[in-house]
Amino acid sequence: MNNPNRDLLVLFNQELMTPQAIEHEVELLHELLYTVEYIENLIIAHEVIDLNKYKVINRSHQLRLVIRQQKLKPFVFLNCKN
């Protein structure tokens, strides 16, 4: 798994944890975020609400196109189904 360049703010009590334990926790956090941010998991957990066309988009191909856009159109919302 390649490490993306990201800034994480992780607060630990250094008196209770060794540097190796902190590094292990950060690696586990990275693995968790990698899984959550995977495009297939995002498609499963989200839908698009388009108020311009009064539509709810659930199809995976259309969701993939919307998620990959840099900027959403006005009144188009990415909604988490959870």
PDB file of N, CA and C in Angstrom:
ATOM      1  N   MET A   1       0.859  -1.170   0.000  1.00  0.00           N
ATOM      2  CA  MET A   1       0.000   0.000   0.000  1.00  0.00           C
ATOM      3  C   MET A   1       0.907   1.236   0.000  1.00  0.00           C
ATOM      4  N   ASN A   2       0.704   2.086  -0.950  1.00  0.00           N
ATOM      5  CA  ASN A   2       1.523   3.286  -1.032  1.00  0.00           C
ATOM      6  C   ASN A   2       0.966   4.374  -0.118  1.00  0.00           C
ATOM      7  N   ASN A   3       1.868   5.096   0.510  1.00  0.00           N
ATOM      8  CA  ASN A   3       1.477   6.167   1.426  1.00  0.00           C
ATOM      9  C   ASN A   3       1.226   7.446   0.649  1.00  0.00           C
ATOM     10  N   PRO A   4      -0.008   7.911   0.621  1.00  0.00           N
ATOM     11  CA  PRO A   4      -0.254   9.188  -0.043  1.00  0.00           C
ATOM     12  C   PRO A   4       0.242  10.323   0.835  1.00  0.00           C
ATOM     13  N   ASN A   5       0.511  11.448   0.212  1.00  0.00           N
ATOM     14  CA  ASN A   5       0.909  12.619   0.982  1.00  0.00           C
ATOM     15  C   ASN A   5      -0.337  13.226   1.591  1.00  0.00           C
ATOM     16  N   ARG A   6      -0.463  13.094   2.889  1.00  0.00           N
ATOM     17  CA  ARG A   6      -1.605  13.663   3.584  1.00  0.00           C
ATOM     18  C   ARG A   6      -1.129  14.108   4.952  1.00  0.00           C
ATOM     19  N   ASP A   7      -1.804  15.111   5.455  1.00  0.00           N
ATOM     20  CA  ASP A   7      -1.513  15.615   6.783  1.00  0.00           C
ATOM     21  C   ASP A   7      -2.552  15.061   7.744  1.00  0.00           C
ATOM     22  N   LEU A   8      -2.074  14.374   8.769  1.00  0.00           N
ATOM     23  CA  LEU A   8      -2.954  13.846   9.796  1.00  0.00           C
ATOM     24  C   LEU A   8      -2.558  14.454  11.132  1.00  0.00           C
ATOM     25  N   LEU A   9      -3.541  14.852  11.879  1.00  0.00           N
ATOM     26  CA  LEU A   9      -3.299  15.317  13.238  1.00  0.00           C
ATOM     27  C   LEU A   9      -3.783  14.216  14.164  1.00  0.00           C
ATOM     28  N   VAL A  10      -2.843  13.543  14.802  1.00  0.00           N
ATOM     29  CA  VAL A  10      -3.159  12.436  15.681  1.00  0.00           C
ATOM     30  C   VAL A  10      -2.661  12.804  17.075  1.00  0.00           C
ATOM     31  N   LEU A  11      -3.564  12.794  18.026  1.00  0.00           N
ATOM     32  CA  LEU A  11      -3.212  13.162  19.394  1.00  0.00           C
ATOM     33  C   LEU A  11      -3.125  11.905  20.250  1.00  0.00           C
ATOM     34  N   PHE A  12      -1.957  11.689  20.831  1.00  0.00           N
ATOM     35  CA  PHE A  12      -1.727  10.564  21.720  1.00  0.00           C
ATOM     36  C   PHE A  12      -1.102  11.073  23.007  1.00  0.00           C
ATOM     37  N   ASN A  13      -1.297  10.321  24.056  1.00  0.00           N
ATOM     38  CA  ASN A  13      -0.586  10.591  25.293  1.00  0.00           C
ATOM     39  C   ASN A  13       0.760   9.884  25.192  1.00  0.00           C
ATOM     40  N   GLN A  14       1.827  10.649  24.994  1.00  0.00           N
ATOM     41  CA  GLN A  14       3.140  10.069  24.750  1.00  0.00           C
ATOM     42  C   GLN A  14       3.701   9.360  25.979  1.00  0.00           C
ATOM     43  N   GLU A  15       3.187   9.677  27.148  1.00  0.00           N
ATOM     44  CA  GLU A  15       3.668   9.017  28.354  1.00  0.00           C
ATOM     45  C   GLU A  15       3.213   7.563  28.397  1.00  0.00           C
ATOM     46  N   LEU A  16       2.074   7.265  27.777  1.00  0.00           N
ATOM     47  CA  LEU A  16       1.526   5.917  27.824  1.00  0.00           C
ATOM     48  C   LEU A  16       1.945   5.056  26.637  1.00  0.00           C
ATOM     49  N   MET A  17       2.394   5.679  25.550  1.00  0.00           N
ATOM     50  CA  MET A  17       2.701   4.924  24.334  1.00  0.00           C
ATOM     51  C   MET A  17       4.145   5.145  23.909  1.00  0.00           C
ATOM     52  N   THR A  18       4.749   4.079  23.410  1.00  0.00           N
ATOM     53  CA  THR A  18       6.110   4.193  22.874  1.00  0.00           C
ATOM     54  C   THR A  18       6.029   4.739  21.448  1.00  0.00           C
ATOM     55  N   PRO A  19       7.120   5.251  20.921  1.00  0.00           N
ATOM     56  CA  PRO A  19       7.096   5.734  19.525  1.00  0.00           C
ATOM     57  C   PRO A  19       6.717   4.637  18.527  1.00  0.00           C
ATOM     58  N   GLN A  20       7.097   3.393  18.803  1.00  0.00           N
ATOM     59  CA  GLN A  20       6.730   2.298  17.909  1.00  0.00           C
ATOM     60  C   GLN A  20       5.219   2.059  17.949  1.00  0.00           C
ATOM     61  N   ALA A  21       4.615   2.167  19.126  1.00  0.00           N
ATOM     62  CA  ALA A  21       3.170   1.988  19.250  1.00  0.00           C
ATOM     63  C   ALA A  21       2.427   3.112  18.538  1.00  0.00           C
ATOM     64  N   ILE A  22       2.937   4.332  18.638  1.00  0.00           N
ATOM     65  CA  ILE A  22       2.325   5.468  17.948  1.00  0.00           C
ATOM     66  C   ILE A  22       2.406   5.260  16.438  1.00  0.00           C
ATOM     67  N   GLU A  23       3.569   4.827  15.954  1.00  0.00           N
ATOM     68  CA  GLU A  23       3.742   4.573  14.519  1.00  0.00           C
ATOM     69  C   GLU A  23       2.790   3.473  14.042  1.00  0.00           C
ATOM     70  N   HIS A  24       2.594   2.449  14.854  1.00  0.00           N
ATOM     71  CA  HIS A  24       1.675   1.368  14.515  1.00  0.00           C
ATOM     72  C   HIS A  24       0.239   1.885  14.433  1.00  0.00           C
ATOM     73  N   GLU A  25      -0.165   2.727  15.368  1.00  0.00           N
ATOM     74  CA  GLU A  25      -1.519   3.298  15.365  1.00  0.00           C
ATOM     75  C   GLU A  25      -1.737   4.168  14.134  1.00  0.00           C
ATOM     76  N   VAL A  26      -0.741   4.946  13.749  1.00  0.00           N
ATOM     77  CA  VAL A  26      -0.849   5.798  12.560  1.00  0.00           C
ATOM     78  C   VAL A  26      -0.967   4.935  11.303  1.00  0.00           C
ATOM     79  N   GLU A  27      -0.215   3.834  11.253  1.00  0.00           N
ATOM     80  CA  GLU A  27      -0.306   2.936  10.106  1.00  0.00           C
ATOM     81  C   GLU A  27      -1.695   2.298  10.020  1.00  0.00           C
ATOM     82  N   LEU A  28      -2.275   1.899  11.143  1.00  0.00           N
ATOM     83  CA  LEU A  28      -3.621   1.348  11.155  1.00  0.00           C
ATOM     84  C   LEU A  28      -4.646   2.386  10.711  1.00  0.00           C
ATOM     85  N   LEU A  29      -4.456   3.633  11.140  1.00  0.00           N
ATOM     86  CA  LEU A  29      -5.340   4.716  10.723  1.00  0.00           C
ATOM     87  C   LEU A  29      -5.245   4.943   9.217  1.00  0.00           C
ATOM     88  N   HIS A  30      -4.035   4.877   8.683  1.00  0.00           N
ATOM     89  CA  HIS A  30      -3.842   5.033   7.235  1.00  0.00           C
ATOM     90  C   HIS A  30      -4.564   3.923   6.476  1.00  0.00           C
ATOM     91  N   GLU A  31      -4.460   2.679   6.945  1.00  0.00           N
ATOM     92  CA  GLU A  31      -5.136   1.563   6.292  1.00  0.00           C
ATOM     93  C   GLU A  31      -6.655   1.739   6.328  1.00  0.00           C
ATOM     94  N   LEU A  32      -7.170   2.207   7.454  1.00  0.00           N
ATOM     95  CA  LEU A  32      -8.602   2.453   7.581  1.00  0.00           C
ATOM     96  C   LEU A  32      -9.069   3.521   6.602  1.00  0.00           C
ATOM     97  N   LEU A  33      -8.336   4.621   6.516  1.00  0.00           N
ATOM     98  CA  LEU A  33      -8.701   5.699   5.597  1.00  0.00           C
ATOM     99  C   LEU A  33      -8.583   5.254   4.143  1.00  0.00           C
ATOM    100  N   TYR A  34      -7.590   4.439   3.841  1.00  0.00           N
ATOM    101  CA  TYR A  34      -7.425   3.931   2.479  1.00  0.00           C
ATOM    102  C   TYR A  34      -8.648   3.112   2.067  1.00  0.00           C
ATOM    103  N   THR A  35      -9.143   2.282   2.992  1.00  0.00           N
ATOM    104  CA  THR A  35     -10.317   1.456   2.709  1.00  0.00           C
ATOM    105  C   THR A  35     -11.565   2.311   2.544  1.00  0.00           C
ATOM    106  N   VAL A  36     -11.749   3.286   3.409  1.00  0.00           N
ATOM    107  CA  VAL A  36     -12.944   4.122   3.375  1.00  0.00           C
ATOM    108  C   VAL A  36     -12.964   5.002   2.127  1.00  0.00           C
ATOM    109  N   GLU A  37     -11.807   5.493   1.710  1.00  0.00           N
ATOM    110  CA  GLU A  37     -11.741   6.408   0.580  1.00  0.00           C
ATOM    111  C   GLU A  37     -11.702   5.699  -0.775  1.00  0.00           C
ATOM    112  N   TYR A  38     -11.697   4.384  -0.797  1.00  0.00           N
ATOM    113  CA  TYR A  38     -11.706   3.632  -2.041  1.00  0.00           C
ATOM    114  C   TYR A  38     -12.987   3.954  -2.802  1.00  0.00           C
ATOM    115  N   ILE A  39     -12.891   4.175  -4.109  1.00  0.00           N
ATOM    116  CA  ILE A  39     -14.008   4.677  -4.903  1.00  0.00           C
ATOM    117  C   ILE A  39     -15.210   3.732  -4.871  1.00  0.00           C
ATOM    118  N   GLU A  40     -14.976   2.435  -4.864  1.00  0.00           N
ATOM    119  CA  GLU A  40     -16.098   1.488  -4.835  1.00  0.00           C
ATOM    120  C   GLU A  40     -16.875   1.591  -3.527  1.00  0.00           C
ATOM    121  N   ASN A  41     -16.181   1.799  -2.430  1.00  0.00           N
ATOM    122  CA  ASN A  41     -16.855   1.949  -1.137  1.00  0.00           C
ATOM    123  C   ASN A  41     -17.615   3.269  -1.066  1.00  0.00           C
ATOM    124  N   LEU A  42     -17.080   4.314  -1.672  1.00  0.00           N
ATOM    125  CA  LEU A  42     -17.793   5.590  -1.722  1.00  0.00           C
ATOM    126  C   LEU A  42     -19.083   5.471  -2.523  1.00  0.00           C
ATOM    127  N   ILE A  43     -19.020   4.725  -3.628  1.00  0.00           N
ATOM    128  CA  ILE A  43     -20.202   4.551  -4.479  1.00  0.00           C
ATOM    129  C   ILE A  43     -21.288   3.774  -3.744  1.00  0.00           C
ATOM    130  N   ILE A  44     -20.898   2.771  -2.981  1.00  0.00           N
ATOM    131  CA  ILE A  44     -21.871   1.970  -2.240  1.00  0.00           C
ATOM    132  C   ILE A  44     -22.568   2.812  -1.173  1.00  0.00           C
ATOM    133  N   ALA A  45     -21.825   3.705  -0.526  1.00  0.00           N
ATOM    134  CA  ALA A  45     -22.350   4.425   0.635  1.00  0.00           C
ATOM    135  C   ALA A  45     -22.986   5.773   0.314  1.00  0.00           C
ATOM    136  N   HIS A  46     -22.948   6.210  -0.948  1.00  0.00           N
ATOM    137  CA  HIS A  46     -23.452   7.542  -1.276  1.00  0.00           C
ATOM    138  C   HIS A  46     -24.480   7.501  -2.404  1.00  0.00           C
ATOM    139  N   GLU A  47     -25.220   8.579  -2.494  1.00  0.00           N
ATOM    140  CA  GLU A  47     -26.121   8.843  -3.613  1.00  0.00           C
ATOM    141  C   GLU A  47     -26.024  10.332  -3.921  1.00  0.00           C
ATOM    142  N   VAL A  48     -26.449  10.714  -5.102  1.00  0.00           N
ATOM    143  CA  VAL A  48     -26.416  12.112  -5.510  1.00  0.00           C
ATOM    144  C   VAL A  48     -27.842  12.625  -5.588  1.00  0.00           C
ATOM    145  N   ILE A  49     -28.070  13.764  -4.963  1.00  0.00           N
ATOM    146  CA  ILE A  49     -29.368  14.421  -5.033  1.00  0.00           C
ATOM    147  C   ILE A  49     -29.199  15.644  -5.921  1.00  0.00           C
ATOM    148  N   ASP A  50     -29.869  15.625  -7.062  1.00  0.00           N
ATOM    149  CA  ASP A  50     -29.804  16.719  -8.035  1.00  0.00           C
ATOM    150  C   ASP A  50     -31.118  17.490  -7.971  1.00  0.00           C
ATOM    151  N   LEU A  51     -31.102  18.643  -7.330  1.00  0.00           N
ATOM    152  CA  LEU A  51     -32.313  19.444  -7.204  1.00  0.00           C
ATOM    153  C   LEU A  51     -32.630  20.231  -8.467  1.00  0.00           C
ATOM    154  N   ASN A  52     -31.670  20.348  -9.371  1.00  0.00           N
ATOM    155  CA  ASN A  52     -31.937  21.018 -10.646  1.00  0.00           C
ATOM    156  C   ASN A  52     -32.871  20.176 -11.514  1.00  0.00           C
ATOM    157  N   LYS A  53     -32.669  18.853 -11.488  1.00  0.00           N
ATOM    158  CA  LYS A  53     -33.487  17.947 -12.298  1.00  0.00           C
ATOM    159  C   LYS A  53     -34.474  17.149 -11.449  1.00  0.00           C
ATOM    160  N   TYR A  54     -34.479  17.399 -10.151  1.00  0.00           N
ATOM    161  CA  TYR A  54     -35.344  16.664  -9.219  1.00  0.00           C
ATOM    162  C   TYR A  54     -35.129  15.156  -9.333  1.00  0.00           C
ATOM    163  N   LYS A  55     -33.847  14.747  -9.245  1.00  0.00           N
ATOM    164  CA  LYS A  55     -33.492  13.338  -9.373  1.00  0.00           C
ATOM    165  C   LYS A  55     -32.600  12.912  -8.215  1.00  0.00           C
ATOM    166  N   VAL A  56     -32.705  11.639  -7.892  1.00  0.00           N
ATOM    167  CA  VAL A  56     -31.768  10.988  -6.984  1.00  0.00           C
ATOM    168  C   VAL A  56     -31.020   9.956  -7.817  1.00  0.00           C
ATOM    169  N   ILE A  57     -29.713  10.074  -7.856  1.00  0.00           N
ATOM    170  CA  ILE A  57     -28.888   9.206  -8.698  1.00  0.00           C
ATOM    171  C   ILE A  57     -28.264   8.120  -7.822  1.00  0.00           C
ATOM    172  N   ASN A  58     -28.533   6.859  -8.186  1.00  0.00           N
ATOM    173  CA  ASN A  58     -27.992   5.718  -7.446  1.00  0.00           C
ATOM    174  C   ASN A  58     -27.115   4.819  -8.318  1.00  0.00           C
ATOM    175  N   ARG A  59     -27.124   5.018  -9.608  1.00  0.00           N
ATOM    176  CA  ARG A  59     -26.373   4.135 -10.508  1.00  0.00           C
ATOM    177  C   ARG A  59     -24.876   4.368 -10.354  1.00  0.00           C
ATOM    178  N   SER A  60     -24.138   3.263 -10.322  1.00  0.00           N
ATOM    179  CA  SER A  60     -22.709   3.340 -10.009  1.00  0.00           C
ATOM    180  C   SER A  60     -21.921   4.137 -11.044  1.00  0.00           C
ATOM    181  N   HIS A  61     -22.258   3.992 -12.323  1.00  0.00           N
ATOM    182  CA  HIS A  61     -21.513   4.720 -13.359  1.00  0.00           C
ATOM    183  C   HIS A  61     -21.719   6.233 -13.220  1.00  0.00           C
ATOM    184  N   GLN A  62     -22.939   6.640 -13.004  1.00  0.00           N
ATOM    185  CA  GLN A  62     -23.227   8.067 -12.856  1.00  0.00           C
ATOM    186  C   GLN A  62     -22.615   8.613 -11.560  1.00  0.00           C
ATOM    187  N   LEU A  63     -22.670   7.830 -10.490  1.00  0.00           N
ATOM    188  CA  LEU A  63     -22.056   8.259  -9.231  1.00  0.00           C
ATOM    189  C   LEU A  63     -20.556   8.441  -9.385  1.00  0.00           C
ATOM    190  N   ARG A  64     -19.933   7.509 -10.102  1.00  0.00           N
ATOM    191  CA  ARG A  64     -18.480   7.593 -10.318  1.00  0.00           C
ATOM    192  C   ARG A  64     -18.124   8.892 -11.044  1.00  0.00           C
ATOM    193  N   LEU A  65     -18.923   9.274 -12.028  1.00  0.00           N
ATOM    194  CA  LEU A  65     -18.663  10.515 -12.767  1.00  0.00           C
ATOM    195  C   LEU A  65     -18.821  11.741 -11.870  1.00  0.00           C
ATOM    196  N   VAL A  66     -19.838  11.737 -11.030  1.00  0.00           N
ATOM    197  CA  VAL A  66     -20.077  12.886 -10.148  1.00  0.00           C
ATOM    198  C   VAL A  66     -18.993  12.994  -9.086  1.00  0.00           C
ATOM    199  N   ILE A  67     -18.595  11.866  -8.493  1.00  0.00           N
ATOM    200  CA  ILE A  67     -17.577  11.889  -7.437  1.00  0.00           C
ATOM    201  C   ILE A  67     -16.239  12.375  -7.976  1.00  0.00           C
ATOM    202  N   ARG A  68     -15.928  12.043  -9.217  1.00  0.00           N
ATOM    203  CA  ARG A  68     -14.633  12.437  -9.788  1.00  0.00           C
ATOM    204  C   ARG A  68     -14.582  13.894 -10.251  1.00  0.00           C
ATOM    205  N   GLN A  69     -15.715  14.572 -10.267  1.00  0.00           N
ATOM    206  CA  GLN A  69     -15.714  15.979 -10.664  1.00  0.00           C
ATOM    207  C   GLN A  69     -14.986  16.813  -9.624  1.00  0.00           C
ATOM    208  N   GLN A  70     -14.290  17.830 -10.093  1.00  0.00           N
ATOM    209  CA  GLN A  70     -13.573  18.721  -9.189  1.00  0.00           C
ATOM    210  C   GLN A  70     -14.538  19.571  -8.370  1.00  0.00           C
ATOM    211  N   LYS A  71     -15.601  20.019  -9.000  1.00  0.00           N
ATOM    212  CA  LYS A  71     -16.550  20.909  -8.343  1.00  0.00           C
ATOM    213  C   LYS A  71     -17.961  20.520  -8.777  1.00  0.00           C
ATOM    214  N   LEU A  72     -18.863  20.393  -7.816  1.00  0.00           N
ATOM    215  CA  LEU A  72     -20.239  20.050  -8.143  1.00  0.00           C
ATOM    216  C   LEU A  72     -20.998  21.294  -8.603  1.00  0.00           C
ATOM    217  N   LYS A  73     -22.007  21.065  -9.442  1.00  0.00           N
ATOM    218  CA  LYS A  73     -22.866  22.153  -9.886  1.00  0.00           C
ATOM    219  C   LYS A  73     -23.695  22.628  -8.692  1.00  0.00           C
ATOM    220  N   PRO A  74     -24.224  23.840  -8.772  1.00  0.00           N
ATOM    221  CA  PRO A  74     -25.101  24.310  -7.695  1.00  0.00           C
ATOM    222  C   PRO A  74     -26.320  23.407  -7.529  1.00  0.00           C
ATOM    223  N   PHE A  75     -26.678  23.163  -6.306  1.00  0.00           N
ATOM    224  CA  PHE A  75     -27.842  22.354  -5.932  1.00  0.00           C
ATOM    225  C   PHE A  75     -27.729  20.891  -6.344  1.00  0.00           C
ATOM    226  N   VAL A  76     -26.504  20.403  -6.442  1.00  0.00           N
ATOM    227  CA  VAL A  76     -26.238  18.978  -6.621  1.00  0.00           C
ATOM    228  C   VAL A  76     -25.449  18.551  -5.393  1.00  0.00           C
ATOM    229  N   PHE A  77     -26.003  17.585  -4.646  1.00  0.00           N
ATOM    230  CA  PHE A  77     -25.433  17.228  -3.353  1.00  0.00           C
ATOM    231  C   PHE A  77     -25.053  15.749  -3.324  1.00  0.00           C
ATOM    232  N   LEU A  78     -23.921  15.463  -2.713  1.00  0.00           N
ATOM    233  CA  LEU A  78     -23.493  14.100  -2.453  1.00  0.00           C
ATOM    234  C   LEU A  78     -24.008  13.730  -1.063  1.00  0.00           C
ATOM    235  N   ASN A  79     -24.879  12.753  -1.008  1.00  0.00           N
ATOM    236  CA  ASN A  79     -25.544  12.401   0.247  1.00  0.00           C
ATOM    237  C   ASN A  79     -25.089  11.019   0.704  1.00  0.00           C
ATOM    238  N   CYS A  80     -24.715  10.912   1.964  1.00  0.00           N
ATOM    239  CA  CYS A  80     -24.323   9.620   2.541  1.00  0.00           C
ATOM    240  C   CYS A  80     -25.583   8.866   2.955  1.00  0.00           C
ATOM    241  N   LYS A  81     -25.712   7.628   2.519  1.00  0.00           N
ATOM    242  CA  LYS A  81     -26.881   6.814   2.840  1.00  0.00           C
ATOM    243  C   LYS A  81     -26.861   6.324   4.277  1.00  0.00           C
ATOM    244  N   ASN A  82     -25.718   6.352   4.900  1.00  0.00           N
ATOM    245  CA  ASN A  82     -25.629   5.855   6.274  1.00  0.00           C
ATOM    246  C   ASN A  82     -26.322   6.829   7.161  1.00  0.00           C
TER     247      ASN A  82
END
